[in-house]
Amino acid sequence: MELDILRAIQSIHNPILDKIMIVITTLGDAGIFWILVSVILLFFKKYRKIGVASLGALVLSLIFTNGIIKNLFDRVRPFMYDEAIRQSLLIKEPFDSSFPSGHTSASIAAAVSIFIFNKKWGTAAIVLALMIGFSRLYLFVHFPTDVLTGLIAGILYAIISALIVVKLDEKYKFKWLRG
């Protein structure tokens, strides 16, 4: 069933959308875009708490999604089931496990962290994170359940990180963290 969904998504491929999806998926590579956004936020006292929470969520995503869960499940990527798709992949073949989507997990973790503290910026960040997740389906490198699980995990990481940041700030009254 999941391969059927991915094949249906393949029907919308066109040269312009291909280029757009490659750029969008690249924003999720190794979480670099989200790390940079989070670090930049640290330089502004008003937004420092967002940056710390986002970085914390990204660390949780790295540890649990990429470090533990992917290795436990070791799911083969969808392009491995279709040689024609594999031969025409628009990006370099990912080498790690398919489940769950690390791009989606990290992107949603950072985006929801931003949303928790700033709804306006967070909404834009969530839209971008969802586009990154969709790009993984479009590019045939993840199954829908990989992306869905990455999305749920990312939300959990963001909530946990935000709670930790708020509780630590309440307890220790970090002046450098307050806007």
Protein backbone atom coordinates (compact mmCIF):
# COMPACT_ATOMS: atom_id res chain seq x y z
CA MET A 1 0.00 0.00 0.00
CA GLU A 2 2.79 2.43 0.85
CA LEU A 3 4.49 1.80 -2.48
CA ASP A 4 1.16 2.57 -4.18
CA ILE A 5 1.04 5.94 -2.40
CA LEU A 6 4.60 6.70 -3.46
CA ARG A 7 3.87 5.70 -7.04
CA ALA A 8 0.82 7.99 -7.04
CA ILE A 9 3.03 10.86 -5.89
CA GLN A 10 5.37 10.06 -8.79
CA SER A 11 2.58 11.07 -11.16
CA ILE A 12 3.07 14.76 -10.26
CA HIS A 13 6.76 14.79 -11.21
CA ASN A 14 7.86 17.49 -13.62
CA PRO A 15 11.23 19.20 -14.22
CA ILE A 16 10.34 22.35 -12.24
CA LEU A 17 8.93 20.48 -9.24
CA ASP A 18 11.91 18.10 -9.36
CA LYS A 19 14.32 21.02 -8.89
CA ILE A 20 12.18 22.56 -6.13
CA MET A 21 11.97 19.26 -4.22
CA ILE A 22 15.72 18.73 -4.46
CA VAL A 23 16.31 22.18 -2.92
CA ILE A 24 13.69 21.61 -0.22
CA THR A 25 15.03 18.18 0.75
CA THR A 26 18.57 19.60 0.88
CA LEU A 27 17.40 22.00 3.60
CA GLY A 28 16.87 18.95 5.79
CA ASP A 29 20.28 17.38 5.11
CA ALA A 30 21.97 16.60 8.46
CA GLY A 31 19.71 19.22 10.07
CA ILE A 32 22.22 21.89 9.02
CA PHE A 33 19.58 24.49 8.08
CA TRP A 34 17.77 24.03 11.40
CA ILE A 35 21.02 24.06 13.36
CA LEU A 36 22.00 27.35 11.69
CA VAL A 37 18.59 28.89 12.41
CA SER A 38 18.82 27.77 16.05
CA VAL A 39 22.35 29.10 16.49
CA ILE A 40 21.41 32.44 14.92
CA LEU A 41 18.53 32.72 17.40
CA LEU A 42 21.04 32.35 20.26
CA PHE A 43 22.61 35.68 19.29
CA PHE A 44 19.41 37.58 20.04
CA LYS A 45 18.48 37.75 23.70
CA LYS A 46 14.77 37.95 22.87
CA TYR A 47 14.93 34.67 20.91
CA ARG A 48 17.60 32.78 22.86
CA LYS A 49 15.09 30.48 24.57
CA ILE A 50 13.78 29.42 21.15
CA GLY A 51 17.30 28.66 19.94
CA VAL A 52 18.12 26.59 23.03
CA ALA A 53 14.85 24.65 22.83
CA SER A 54 15.31 24.03 19.10
CA LEU A 55 18.88 22.82 19.56
CA GLY A 56 17.74 20.55 22.38
CA ALA A 57 15.02 19.07 20.17
CA LEU A 58 17.55 18.54 17.37
CA VAL A 59 19.88 16.71 19.77
CA LEU A 60 16.99 14.47 20.87
CA SER A 61 16.20 13.76 17.21
CA LEU A 62 19.82 12.91 16.48
CA ILE A 63 20.12 10.58 19.47
CA PHE A 64 16.79 8.79 19.26
CA THR A 65 15.71 8.91 15.61
CA ASN A 66 19.07 8.64 13.88
CA GLY A 67 21.09 6.93 16.59
CA ILE A 68 18.67 4.42 18.07
CA ILE A 69 15.39 3.92 16.20
CA LYS A 70 16.86 3.77 12.67
CA ASN A 71 19.35 1.14 13.81
CA LEU A 72 16.70 -0.90 15.61
CA PHE A 73 14.40 -1.14 12.59
CA ASP A 74 16.92 -0.99 9.73
CA ARG A 75 14.17 -0.66 7.12
CA VAL A 76 15.08 -0.82 3.45
CA ARG A 77 14.31 2.35 1.48
CA PRO A 78 11.45 2.28 -1.03
CA PHE A 79 13.59 2.86 -4.12
CA MET A 80 15.20 -0.53 -3.45
CA TYR A 81 11.88 -2.14 -4.48
CA ASP A 82 11.81 -0.48 -7.89
CA GLU A 83 14.96 -0.62 -10.02
CA ALA A 84 13.64 1.92 -12.54
CA ILE A 85 13.10 4.46 -9.76
CA ARG A 86 16.48 3.61 -8.23
CA GLN A 87 18.21 4.27 -11.54
CA SER A 88 16.47 7.63 -11.91
CA LEU A 89 16.77 8.96 -8.34
CA LEU A 90 17.10 12.73 -8.32
CA ILE A 91 19.38 12.76 -5.27
CA LYS A 92 22.26 10.66 -4.06
CA GLU A 93 21.12 7.31 -2.67
CA PRO A 94 20.76 7.58 1.12
CA PHE A 95 22.84 4.92 2.86
CA ASP A 96 21.05 4.64 6.21
CA SER A 97 17.79 3.05 7.27
CA SER A 98 14.51 4.40 5.97
CA PHE A 99 12.54 4.25 9.25
CA PRO A 100 11.89 6.83 10.56
CA SER A 101 12.66 9.87 8.43
CA GLY A 102 15.52 11.78 10.04
CA HIS A 103 14.88 14.78 7.77
CA THR A 104 11.28 14.97 8.96
CA SER A 105 12.09 14.29 12.60
CA ALA A 106 14.75 17.01 12.83
CA SER A 107 12.78 19.52 10.77
CA ILE A 108 9.58 19.11 12.76
CA ALA A 109 11.51 19.08 16.06
CA ALA A 110 13.06 22.46 15.28
CA ALA A 111 9.92 23.92 13.71
CA VAL A 112 7.61 22.94 16.56
CA SER A 113 10.18 24.26 19.05
CA ILE A 114 10.01 27.60 17.28
CA PHE A 115 6.20 27.43 17.19
CA ILE A 116 5.93 26.81 20.94
CA PHE A 117 7.61 30.14 21.66
CA ASN A 118 6.67 32.16 18.55
CA LYS A 119 3.51 31.21 16.67
CA LYS A 120 4.16 33.43 13.63
CA TRP A 121 7.68 32.20 12.90
CA GLY A 122 6.75 28.72 14.03
CA THR A 123 3.92 28.47 11.53
CA ALA A 124 6.28 29.30 8.67
CA ALA A 125 8.84 26.85 10.06
CA ILE A 126 6.23 24.08 10.28
CA VAL A 127 5.16 24.66 6.68
CA LEU A 128 8.80 24.33 5.58
CA ALA A 129 9.29 21.23 7.76
CA LEU A 130 6.20 19.59 6.26
CA MET A 131 7.49 20.41 2.78
CA ILE A 132 10.79 18.73 3.67
CA GLY A 133 8.87 15.66 4.83
CA PHE A 134 6.83 15.60 1.61
CA SER A 135 9.99 15.97 -0.47
CA ARG A 136 11.23 12.69 0.98
CA LEU A 137 8.12 10.95 -0.40
CA TYR A 138 8.34 12.78 -3.71
CA LEU A 139 11.97 11.71 -4.10
CA PHE A 140 11.02 8.08 -3.27
CA VAL A 141 13.51 7.78 -0.41
CA HIS A 142 10.98 7.27 2.42
CA PHE A 143 7.75 5.42 2.95
CA PRO A 144 4.75 7.42 4.24
CA THR A 145 5.03 5.70 7.65
CA ASP A 146 8.69 6.79 7.85
CA VAL A 147 7.65 10.41 7.41
CA LEU A 148 4.64 10.12 9.72
CA THR A 149 6.74 8.54 12.47
CA GLY A 150 9.43 11.20 12.00
CA LEU A 151 6.72 13.86 12.33
CA ILE A 152 5.34 12.40 15.56
CA ALA A 153 8.81 11.91 17.02
CA GLY A 154 9.81 15.47 16.10
CA ILE A 155 6.76 16.88 17.87
CA LEU A 156 7.60 14.87 20.99
CA TYR A 157 11.23 16.03 20.93
CA ALA A 158 10.13 19.66 20.63
CA ILE A 159 7.71 19.39 23.53
CA ILE A 160 10.25 17.63 25.75
CA SER A 161 12.97 20.15 24.91
CA ALA A 162 10.68 23.15 25.48
CA LEU A 163 9.54 21.75 28.83
CA ILE A 164 13.13 21.21 29.93
CA VAL A 165 14.17 24.73 28.90
CA VAL A 166 11.19 26.32 30.67
CA LYS A 167 11.61 24.24 33.85
CA LEU A 168 15.36 24.88 34.05
CA ASP A 169 14.82 28.58 33.48
CA GLU A 170 12.12 28.70 36.18
CA LYS A 171 14.34 26.84 38.65
CA TYR A 172 17.67 28.58 37.98
CA LYS A 173 16.50 31.93 36.55
CA PHE A 174 19.03 31.99 33.71
CA LYS A 175 19.58 35.68 32.93
CA TRP A 176 21.34 34.91 29.64
CA LEU A 177 18.26 32.99 28.47
CA ARG A 178 15.66 35.68 29.16
CA GLY A 179 14.48 38.15 26.57
